N, C-alpha and C. Protein backbone atom coordinates (compact mmCIF):
# COMPACT_ATOMS: atom_id res chain seq x y z
N UNK A 1 -7.22 -6.39 -1.87
CA UNK A 1 -7.00 -7.23 -0.71
C UNK A 1 -7.88 -6.77 0.45
N UNK A 2 -8.03 -5.47 0.61
CA UNK A 2 -8.87 -4.95 1.70
C UNK A 2 -10.30 -5.42 1.52
N UNK A 3 -10.74 -5.51 0.26
CA UNK A 3 -12.08 -5.99 -0.05
C UNK A 3 -12.31 -7.37 0.57
N UNK A 4 -11.33 -8.25 0.43
CA UNK A 4 -11.48 -9.61 0.94
C UNK A 4 -11.44 -9.64 2.47
N UNK A 5 -10.52 -8.91 3.05
CA UNK A 5 -10.37 -8.92 4.50
C UNK A 5 -11.58 -8.31 5.19
N UNK A 6 -12.17 -7.28 4.59
CA UNK A 6 -13.30 -6.59 5.20
C UNK A 6 -14.53 -7.47 5.31
N UNK A 7 -14.63 -8.47 4.46
CA UNK A 7 -15.83 -9.29 4.43
C UNK A 7 -15.69 -10.62 5.17
N UNK A 8 -14.57 -10.85 5.83
CA UNK A 8 -14.36 -12.12 6.51
C UNK A 8 -15.40 -12.35 7.60
N UNK A 9 -15.68 -11.35 8.40
CA UNK A 9 -16.67 -11.54 9.47
C UNK A 9 -18.07 -11.76 8.91
N UNK A 10 -18.39 -11.09 7.83
CA UNK A 10 -19.68 -11.29 7.19
C UNK A 10 -19.78 -12.72 6.67
N UNK A 11 -18.71 -13.20 6.05
CA UNK A 11 -18.70 -14.57 5.54
C UNK A 11 -18.84 -15.58 6.67
N UNK A 12 -18.16 -15.35 7.77
CA UNK A 12 -18.24 -16.26 8.91
C UNK A 12 -19.68 -16.36 9.39
N UNK A 13 -20.36 -15.22 9.52
CA UNK A 13 -21.76 -15.23 9.94
C UNK A 13 -22.64 -15.94 8.92
N UNK A 14 -22.35 -15.70 7.63
CA UNK A 14 -23.11 -16.35 6.57
C UNK A 14 -22.94 -17.87 6.62
N UNK A 15 -21.70 -18.31 6.81
CA UNK A 15 -21.45 -19.74 6.94
C UNK A 15 -22.21 -20.33 8.14
N UNK A 16 -22.17 -19.62 9.26
CA UNK A 16 -22.83 -20.12 10.47
C UNK A 16 -24.34 -20.27 10.27
N UNK A 17 -24.94 -19.36 9.51
CA UNK A 17 -26.38 -19.40 9.28
C UNK A 17 -26.76 -20.45 8.24
N UNK A 18 -25.99 -20.53 7.16
CA UNK A 18 -26.40 -21.35 6.03
C UNK A 18 -25.91 -22.79 6.04
N UNK A 19 -24.82 -23.07 6.71
CA UNK A 19 -24.35 -24.45 6.75
C UNK A 19 -25.25 -25.28 7.64
N UNK A 20 -25.42 -26.55 7.33
CA UNK A 20 -26.19 -27.41 8.22
C UNK A 20 -25.60 -27.42 9.62
N UNK A 21 -26.42 -27.70 10.60
CA UNK A 21 -25.98 -27.64 11.99
C UNK A 21 -24.82 -28.59 12.29
N UNK A 22 -24.73 -29.68 11.57
CA UNK A 22 -23.68 -30.65 11.85
C UNK A 22 -22.38 -30.38 11.08
N UNK A 23 -22.30 -29.27 10.33
CA UNK A 23 -21.11 -28.95 9.57
C UNK A 23 -20.65 -27.54 9.95
N UNK A 24 -19.37 -27.40 10.24
CA UNK A 24 -18.82 -26.07 10.49
C UNK A 24 -17.87 -25.71 9.36
N UNK A 25 -17.54 -24.45 9.29
CA UNK A 25 -16.66 -23.97 8.22
C UNK A 25 -15.30 -24.65 8.29
N UNK A 26 -14.84 -24.98 9.49
CA UNK A 26 -13.53 -25.59 9.64
C UNK A 26 -13.54 -27.07 9.30
N UNK A 27 -14.72 -27.67 9.23
CA UNK A 27 -14.82 -29.09 8.91
C UNK A 27 -14.85 -29.36 7.41
N UNK A 28 -14.88 -28.32 6.62
CA UNK A 28 -14.86 -28.54 5.17
C UNK A 28 -13.53 -29.21 4.85
N UNK A 29 -13.51 -30.02 3.83
CA UNK A 29 -12.32 -30.82 3.55
C UNK A 29 -11.11 -29.97 3.20
N UNK A 30 -9.98 -30.57 3.43
CA UNK A 30 -8.71 -29.91 3.10
C UNK A 30 -8.66 -29.58 1.61
N UNK A 31 -9.22 -30.46 0.78
CA UNK A 31 -9.22 -30.22 -0.67
C UNK A 31 -9.96 -28.94 -1.03
N UNK A 32 -11.09 -28.68 -0.36
CA UNK A 32 -11.85 -27.47 -0.65
C UNK A 32 -11.03 -26.23 -0.31
N UNK A 33 -10.37 -26.23 0.85
CA UNK A 33 -9.61 -25.05 1.26
C UNK A 33 -8.38 -24.85 0.39
N UNK A 34 -7.81 -25.93 -0.11
CA UNK A 34 -6.71 -25.79 -1.08
C UNK A 34 -7.24 -25.13 -2.35
N UNK A 35 -8.40 -25.56 -2.79
CA UNK A 35 -9.03 -24.98 -3.98
C UNK A 35 -9.31 -23.49 -3.77
N UNK A 36 -9.80 -23.14 -2.60
CA UNK A 36 -10.07 -21.72 -2.28
C UNK A 36 -8.77 -20.92 -2.28
N UNK A 37 -7.72 -21.47 -1.70
CA UNK A 37 -6.44 -20.76 -1.67
C UNK A 37 -5.89 -20.55 -3.08
N UNK A 38 -5.99 -21.57 -3.92
CA UNK A 38 -5.51 -21.43 -5.30
C UNK A 38 -6.32 -20.35 -6.03
N UNK A 39 -7.64 -20.37 -5.86
CA UNK A 39 -8.48 -19.36 -6.50
C UNK A 39 -8.10 -17.96 -6.00
N UNK A 40 -7.89 -17.82 -4.71
CA UNK A 40 -7.51 -16.53 -4.14
C UNK A 40 -6.16 -16.08 -4.65
N UNK A 41 -5.20 -16.99 -4.71
CA UNK A 41 -3.86 -16.64 -5.18
C UNK A 41 -3.90 -16.11 -6.61
N UNK A 42 -4.61 -16.83 -7.50
CA UNK A 42 -4.67 -16.38 -8.89
C UNK A 42 -5.52 -15.13 -9.03
N UNK A 43 -6.52 -14.97 -8.21
CA UNK A 43 -7.34 -13.76 -8.30
C UNK A 43 -6.56 -12.54 -7.82
N UNK A 44 -5.74 -12.69 -6.80
CA UNK A 44 -4.93 -11.56 -6.33
C UNK A 44 -3.91 -11.15 -7.39
N UNK A 45 -3.43 -12.11 -8.16
CA UNK A 45 -2.48 -11.81 -9.22
C UNK A 45 -3.13 -11.32 -10.49
N UNK A 46 -4.44 -11.44 -10.57
CA UNK A 46 -5.17 -11.06 -11.77
C UNK A 46 -5.36 -9.54 -11.79
N UNK A 47 -4.94 -8.94 -12.89
CA UNK A 47 -5.15 -7.50 -13.00
C UNK A 47 -6.58 -7.24 -13.45
N UNK A 48 -6.99 -6.03 -13.32
CA UNK A 48 -8.30 -5.65 -13.83
C UNK A 48 -8.28 -5.73 -15.36
N UNK A 49 -9.39 -6.16 -15.91
CA UNK A 49 -9.47 -6.21 -17.38
C UNK A 49 -9.31 -4.82 -17.99
N UNK A 50 -9.56 -3.79 -17.23
CA UNK A 50 -9.37 -2.42 -17.73
C UNK A 50 -7.91 -2.18 -18.12
N UNK A 51 -6.98 -2.78 -17.37
CA UNK A 51 -5.56 -2.62 -17.72
C UNK A 51 -5.25 -3.33 -19.04
N UNK A 52 -5.92 -4.45 -19.28
CA UNK A 52 -5.73 -5.14 -20.55
C UNK A 52 -6.27 -4.30 -21.70
N UNK A 53 -7.37 -3.62 -21.46
CA UNK A 53 -7.93 -2.74 -22.49
C UNK A 53 -6.99 -1.56 -22.77
N UNK A 54 -6.41 -1.02 -21.72
CA UNK A 54 -5.44 0.07 -21.91
C UNK A 54 -4.22 -0.43 -22.68
N UNK A 55 -3.79 -1.64 -22.39
CA UNK A 55 -2.65 -2.22 -23.12
C UNK A 55 -3.01 -2.39 -24.59
N UNK A 56 -4.24 -2.82 -24.87
CA UNK A 56 -4.67 -2.98 -26.26
C UNK A 56 -4.61 -1.65 -26.99
N UNK A 57 -5.09 -0.61 -26.36
CA UNK A 57 -5.07 0.71 -26.99
C UNK A 57 -3.64 1.20 -27.16
N UNK A 58 -2.80 0.97 -26.18
CA UNK A 58 -1.41 1.42 -26.26
C UNK A 58 -0.66 0.71 -27.39
N UNK A 59 -0.98 -0.55 -27.62
CA UNK A 59 -0.30 -1.31 -28.67
C UNK A 59 -0.75 -0.87 -30.06
N UNK A 60 -1.96 -0.33 -30.15
CA UNK A 60 -2.37 0.18 -31.45
C UNK A 60 -3.77 -0.22 -31.89
N UNK A 61 -4.52 -0.90 -31.04
CA UNK A 61 -5.91 -1.20 -31.38
C UNK A 61 -6.68 0.11 -31.32
N UNK A 62 -7.43 0.40 -32.35
CA UNK A 62 -8.20 1.64 -32.42
C UNK A 62 -9.15 1.74 -31.22
N UNK A 63 -9.26 2.93 -30.63
CA UNK A 63 -10.17 3.09 -29.48
C UNK A 63 -11.60 2.63 -29.77
N UNK A 64 -12.02 2.73 -31.02
CA UNK A 64 -13.37 2.28 -31.37
C UNK A 64 -13.49 0.75 -31.30
N UNK A 65 -12.37 0.04 -31.46
CA UNK A 65 -12.40 -1.42 -31.47
C UNK A 65 -11.97 -2.05 -30.14
N UNK A 66 -11.45 -1.25 -29.23
CA UNK A 66 -10.99 -1.79 -27.94
C UNK A 66 -12.11 -2.56 -27.21
N UNK A 67 -13.35 -2.03 -27.14
CA UNK A 67 -14.40 -2.81 -26.46
C UNK A 67 -14.68 -4.15 -27.13
N UNK A 68 -14.40 -4.27 -28.40
CA UNK A 68 -14.63 -5.54 -29.10
C UNK A 68 -13.67 -6.63 -28.63
N UNK A 69 -12.54 -6.24 -28.04
CA UNK A 69 -11.63 -7.26 -27.51
C UNK A 69 -12.30 -8.02 -26.38
N UNK A 70 -13.11 -7.32 -25.59
CA UNK A 70 -13.84 -7.98 -24.51
C UNK A 70 -14.92 -8.89 -25.09
N UNK A 71 -15.50 -8.47 -26.19
CA UNK A 71 -16.49 -9.31 -26.87
C UNK A 71 -15.83 -10.61 -27.34
N UNK A 72 -14.64 -10.50 -27.92
CA UNK A 72 -13.89 -11.69 -28.36
C UNK A 72 -13.62 -12.59 -27.16
N UNK A 73 -13.21 -12.00 -26.05
CA UNK A 73 -12.93 -12.78 -24.84
C UNK A 73 -14.18 -13.52 -24.38
N UNK A 74 -15.32 -12.84 -24.33
CA UNK A 74 -16.55 -13.45 -23.85
C UNK A 74 -17.10 -14.50 -24.81
N UNK A 75 -16.94 -14.28 -26.09
CA UNK A 75 -17.38 -15.28 -27.06
C UNK A 75 -16.53 -16.55 -26.92
N UNK A 76 -15.23 -16.37 -26.76
CA UNK A 76 -14.36 -17.52 -26.56
C UNK A 76 -14.71 -18.24 -25.27
N UNK A 77 -14.98 -17.50 -24.22
CA UNK A 77 -15.40 -18.08 -22.94
C UNK A 77 -16.67 -18.90 -23.15
N UNK A 78 -17.65 -18.31 -23.82
CA UNK A 78 -18.93 -18.96 -24.08
C UNK A 78 -18.75 -20.24 -24.90
N UNK A 79 -17.95 -20.15 -25.95
CA UNK A 79 -17.78 -21.29 -26.85
C UNK A 79 -16.92 -22.41 -26.25
N UNK A 80 -16.07 -22.08 -25.29
CA UNK A 80 -15.16 -23.09 -24.74
C UNK A 80 -15.67 -23.75 -23.46
N UNK A 81 -16.53 -23.10 -22.72
CA UNK A 81 -16.92 -23.62 -21.40
C UNK A 81 -17.58 -25.00 -21.49
N UNK A 82 -18.53 -25.17 -22.37
CA UNK A 82 -19.25 -26.44 -22.45
C UNK A 82 -18.34 -27.58 -22.94
N UNK A 83 -17.61 -27.39 -24.05
CA UNK A 83 -16.71 -28.47 -24.49
C UNK A 83 -15.64 -28.82 -23.45
N UNK A 84 -15.11 -27.83 -22.77
CA UNK A 84 -14.11 -28.11 -21.73
C UNK A 84 -14.75 -28.87 -20.58
N UNK A 85 -15.99 -28.52 -20.25
CA UNK A 85 -16.70 -29.26 -19.21
C UNK A 85 -16.90 -30.72 -19.59
N UNK A 86 -17.28 -30.97 -20.83
CA UNK A 86 -17.42 -32.36 -21.30
C UNK A 86 -16.07 -33.09 -21.25
N UNK A 87 -15.02 -32.40 -21.67
CA UNK A 87 -13.69 -33.00 -21.64
C UNK A 87 -13.26 -33.31 -20.20
N UNK A 88 -13.57 -32.41 -19.28
CA UNK A 88 -13.19 -32.65 -17.88
C UNK A 88 -13.94 -33.83 -17.28
N UNK A 89 -15.17 -34.09 -17.76
CA UNK A 89 -15.90 -35.26 -17.31
C UNK A 89 -15.23 -36.55 -17.79
N UNK A 90 -14.59 -36.50 -18.94
CA UNK A 90 -13.96 -37.69 -19.50
C UNK A 90 -12.55 -37.94 -18.98
N UNK A 91 -11.74 -36.88 -18.90
CA UNK A 91 -10.32 -37.10 -18.58
C UNK A 91 -9.93 -36.62 -17.19
N UNK A 92 -10.84 -35.99 -16.49
CA UNK A 92 -10.52 -35.50 -15.15
C UNK A 92 -10.33 -34.00 -15.14
N UNK A 93 -10.55 -33.42 -13.98
CA UNK A 93 -10.56 -31.97 -13.85
C UNK A 93 -9.20 -31.37 -13.50
N UNK A 94 -8.43 -32.07 -12.71
CA UNK A 94 -7.20 -31.48 -12.19
C UNK A 94 -6.22 -31.10 -13.29
N UNK A 95 -6.01 -31.97 -14.26
CA UNK A 95 -5.09 -31.67 -15.35
C UNK A 95 -5.54 -30.46 -16.16
N UNK A 96 -6.84 -30.38 -16.42
CA UNK A 96 -7.36 -29.22 -17.15
C UNK A 96 -7.25 -27.95 -16.33
N UNK A 97 -7.46 -28.05 -15.03
CA UNK A 97 -7.33 -26.89 -14.15
C UNK A 97 -5.90 -26.36 -14.18
N UNK A 98 -4.94 -27.25 -14.06
CA UNK A 98 -3.53 -26.86 -14.11
C UNK A 98 -3.20 -26.28 -15.49
N UNK A 99 -3.72 -26.92 -16.54
CA UNK A 99 -3.52 -26.39 -17.89
C UNK A 99 -4.11 -25.00 -18.06
N UNK A 100 -5.26 -24.77 -17.44
CA UNK A 100 -5.88 -23.45 -17.49
C UNK A 100 -5.03 -22.40 -16.80
N UNK A 101 -4.45 -22.76 -15.66
CA UNK A 101 -3.59 -21.80 -14.96
C UNK A 101 -2.31 -21.53 -15.76
N UNK A 102 -1.81 -22.55 -16.42
CA UNK A 102 -0.64 -22.35 -17.28
C UNK A 102 -0.99 -21.42 -18.44
N UNK A 103 -2.15 -21.65 -19.04
CA UNK A 103 -2.62 -20.77 -20.12
C UNK A 103 -2.78 -19.34 -19.61
N UNK A 104 -3.32 -19.19 -18.42
CA UNK A 104 -3.48 -17.86 -17.80
C UNK A 104 -2.12 -17.16 -17.68
N UNK A 105 -1.14 -17.87 -17.15
CA UNK A 105 0.19 -17.28 -16.95
C UNK A 105 0.82 -16.90 -18.28
N UNK A 106 0.72 -17.78 -19.27
CA UNK A 106 1.29 -17.48 -20.58
C UNK A 106 0.57 -16.32 -21.27
N UNK A 107 -0.74 -16.25 -21.07
CA UNK A 107 -1.51 -15.15 -21.66
C UNK A 107 -1.09 -13.81 -21.06
N UNK A 108 -0.97 -13.75 -19.75
CA UNK A 108 -0.53 -12.49 -19.13
C UNK A 108 0.90 -12.15 -19.51
N UNK A 109 1.73 -13.16 -19.65
CA UNK A 109 3.09 -12.91 -20.13
C UNK A 109 3.05 -12.34 -21.54
N UNK A 110 2.16 -12.88 -22.35
CA UNK A 110 1.98 -12.36 -23.70
C UNK A 110 1.54 -10.91 -23.71
N UNK A 111 0.61 -10.56 -22.81
CA UNK A 111 0.19 -9.16 -22.73
C UNK A 111 1.35 -8.25 -22.37
N UNK A 112 2.28 -8.75 -21.57
CA UNK A 112 3.43 -7.93 -21.17
C UNK A 112 4.39 -7.68 -22.33
N UNK A 113 4.48 -8.63 -23.26
CA UNK A 113 5.49 -8.54 -24.31
C UNK A 113 4.91 -8.36 -25.71
N UNK A 114 3.62 -8.15 -25.82
CA UNK A 114 3.02 -8.01 -27.15
C UNK A 114 3.48 -6.71 -27.82
N UNK A 115 3.59 -6.78 -29.13
CA UNK A 115 4.03 -5.60 -29.86
C UNK A 115 3.17 -5.29 -31.08
N UNK A 116 2.15 -6.08 -31.29
CA UNK A 116 1.32 -5.91 -32.48
C UNK A 116 -0.16 -6.05 -32.11
N UNK A 117 -1.00 -5.34 -32.82
CA UNK A 117 -2.42 -5.36 -32.47
C UNK A 117 -3.06 -6.73 -32.74
N UNK A 118 -2.60 -7.49 -33.74
CA UNK A 118 -3.18 -8.80 -33.98
C UNK A 118 -2.90 -9.73 -32.80
N UNK A 119 -1.77 -9.54 -32.13
CA UNK A 119 -1.45 -10.36 -30.96
C UNK A 119 -2.42 -10.09 -29.81
N UNK A 120 -2.87 -8.85 -29.69
CA UNK A 120 -3.84 -8.50 -28.65
C UNK A 120 -5.12 -9.31 -28.83
N UNK A 121 -5.58 -9.41 -30.08
CA UNK A 121 -6.81 -10.16 -30.35
C UNK A 121 -6.65 -11.63 -29.97
N UNK A 122 -5.51 -12.21 -30.31
CA UNK A 122 -5.25 -13.61 -29.96
C UNK A 122 -5.18 -13.78 -28.44
N UNK A 123 -4.54 -12.84 -27.77
CA UNK A 123 -4.41 -12.93 -26.31
C UNK A 123 -5.76 -12.81 -25.61
N UNK A 124 -6.63 -11.94 -26.10
CA UNK A 124 -7.96 -11.85 -25.51
C UNK A 124 -8.75 -13.15 -25.74
N UNK A 125 -8.58 -13.76 -26.89
CA UNK A 125 -9.23 -15.05 -27.13
C UNK A 125 -8.68 -16.11 -26.18
N UNK A 126 -7.38 -16.12 -25.97
CA UNK A 126 -6.77 -17.08 -25.03
C UNK A 126 -7.23 -16.82 -23.60
N UNK A 127 -7.39 -15.56 -23.25
CA UNK A 127 -7.89 -15.21 -21.92
C UNK A 127 -9.32 -15.72 -21.74
N UNK A 128 -10.13 -15.64 -22.78
CA UNK A 128 -11.47 -16.19 -22.73
C UNK A 128 -11.45 -17.71 -22.61
N UNK A 129 -10.51 -18.36 -23.28
CA UNK A 129 -10.37 -19.81 -23.16
C UNK A 129 -9.99 -20.19 -21.74
N UNK A 130 -9.07 -19.44 -21.12
CA UNK A 130 -8.72 -19.69 -19.71
C UNK A 130 -9.98 -19.60 -18.83
N UNK A 131 -10.78 -18.59 -19.04
CA UNK A 131 -12.00 -18.44 -18.23
C UNK A 131 -12.95 -19.59 -18.48
N UNK A 132 -13.09 -19.99 -19.73
CA UNK A 132 -13.96 -21.11 -20.06
C UNK A 132 -13.47 -22.41 -19.43
N UNK A 133 -12.19 -22.54 -19.27
CA UNK A 133 -11.62 -23.74 -18.65
C UNK A 133 -11.81 -23.72 -17.14
N UNK A 134 -11.33 -22.69 -16.50
CA UNK A 134 -11.18 -22.75 -15.05
C UNK A 134 -12.43 -22.41 -14.25
N UNK A 135 -13.24 -21.50 -14.68
CA UNK A 135 -14.41 -21.15 -13.88
C UNK A 135 -15.37 -22.33 -13.75
N UNK A 136 -15.62 -23.01 -14.85
CA UNK A 136 -16.50 -24.17 -14.80
C UNK A 136 -15.90 -25.33 -14.04
N UNK A 137 -14.61 -25.55 -14.21
CA UNK A 137 -13.95 -26.66 -13.53
C UNK A 137 -13.93 -26.43 -12.02
N UNK A 138 -13.64 -25.21 -11.59
CA UNK A 138 -13.70 -24.90 -10.16
C UNK A 138 -15.08 -25.24 -9.60
N UNK A 139 -16.10 -24.79 -10.29
CA UNK A 139 -17.47 -25.02 -9.81
C UNK A 139 -17.79 -26.51 -9.77
N UNK A 140 -17.39 -27.24 -10.80
CA UNK A 140 -17.66 -28.68 -10.84
C UNK A 140 -16.92 -29.42 -9.72
N UNK A 141 -15.70 -29.01 -9.43
CA UNK A 141 -14.93 -29.66 -8.37
C UNK A 141 -15.61 -29.49 -7.01
N UNK A 142 -16.18 -28.32 -6.78
CA UNK A 142 -16.88 -28.09 -5.51
C UNK A 142 -18.19 -28.85 -5.49
N UNK A 143 -18.94 -28.79 -6.57
CA UNK A 143 -20.27 -29.39 -6.61
C UNK A 143 -20.23 -30.89 -6.43
N UNK A 144 -19.21 -31.55 -6.94
CA UNK A 144 -19.18 -33.01 -6.83
C UNK A 144 -18.68 -33.49 -5.48
N UNK A 145 -18.16 -32.61 -4.66
CA UNK A 145 -17.61 -33.02 -3.36
C UNK A 145 -18.56 -32.84 -2.18
N UNK A 146 -19.51 -31.94 -2.29
CA UNK A 146 -20.27 -31.56 -1.10
C UNK A 146 -21.76 -31.79 -1.27
N UNK A 147 -22.40 -32.01 -0.12
CA UNK A 147 -23.83 -32.24 -0.15
C UNK A 147 -24.56 -31.03 -0.70
N UNK A 148 -25.72 -31.29 -1.25
CA UNK A 148 -26.46 -30.28 -1.99
C UNK A 148 -26.71 -29.01 -1.19
N UNK A 149 -26.98 -29.11 0.07
CA UNK A 149 -27.30 -27.92 0.87
C UNK A 149 -26.12 -26.96 0.98
N UNK A 150 -24.91 -27.49 0.88
CA UNK A 150 -23.72 -26.65 1.01
C UNK A 150 -23.22 -26.11 -0.32
N UNK A 151 -23.60 -26.73 -1.41
CA UNK A 151 -23.02 -26.40 -2.70
C UNK A 151 -23.21 -24.93 -3.06
N UNK A 152 -24.40 -24.40 -2.88
CA UNK A 152 -24.67 -23.01 -3.27
C UNK A 152 -23.79 -22.06 -2.48
N UNK A 153 -23.66 -22.28 -1.20
CA UNK A 153 -22.83 -21.42 -0.36
C UNK A 153 -21.36 -21.51 -0.76
N UNK A 154 -20.87 -22.73 -0.98
CA UNK A 154 -19.46 -22.90 -1.32
C UNK A 154 -19.16 -22.36 -2.71
N UNK A 155 -20.07 -22.56 -3.65
CA UNK A 155 -19.87 -21.98 -4.98
C UNK A 155 -19.91 -20.46 -4.91
N UNK A 156 -20.76 -19.92 -4.09
CA UNK A 156 -20.81 -18.48 -3.93
C UNK A 156 -19.51 -17.91 -3.42
N UNK A 157 -18.90 -18.57 -2.45
CA UNK A 157 -17.61 -18.13 -1.93
C UNK A 157 -16.56 -18.21 -3.03
N UNK A 158 -16.54 -19.31 -3.76
CA UNK A 158 -15.55 -19.48 -4.80
C UNK A 158 -15.74 -18.44 -5.90
N UNK A 159 -16.96 -18.19 -6.31
CA UNK A 159 -17.22 -17.18 -7.36
C UNK A 159 -16.84 -15.80 -6.86
N UNK A 160 -17.11 -15.52 -5.60
CA UNK A 160 -16.73 -14.23 -5.02
C UNK A 160 -15.22 -14.04 -5.11
N UNK A 161 -14.46 -15.12 -4.91
CA UNK A 161 -13.02 -15.01 -5.00
C UNK A 161 -12.53 -14.88 -6.45
N UNK A 162 -13.29 -15.44 -7.39
CA UNK A 162 -12.87 -15.41 -8.78
C UNK A 162 -13.24 -14.13 -9.51
N UNK A 163 -14.20 -13.39 -9.01
CA UNK A 163 -14.67 -12.19 -9.71
C UNK A 163 -13.72 -11.05 -9.51
């Protein structure tokens, strides 16, 4: 949390320099700020992936294979991002975004109650699917709402909150 608060003044200066002269940070739409708040809320609740790795080892995944759980997560992220993006173009983004957050919550709940190493592998794959769903959808929602000059700055803020 301190990380976010410490950079507020830097972000304000960055917005002042990079936004077009006729747009201020407070004039961004209510929808954008709701999106930023949701991203911040879920990011604050997100534990470090290192804790998930420790949970994997504690459940019984061999220390030699623990790093491979992250590989599974990233492969799932890679394989799901494009198809989910195509799906969001067809059926809309909001439902998929909400579904992604639901998947996120269920995945973390699963990590809390897992008792077998095979479940860890499935949970890491589901965590990668959540990332494939929500990171791209967040970016697309911002990109389609704002003029091109603002998109890079707004996506940067959103990615900063998601990392």
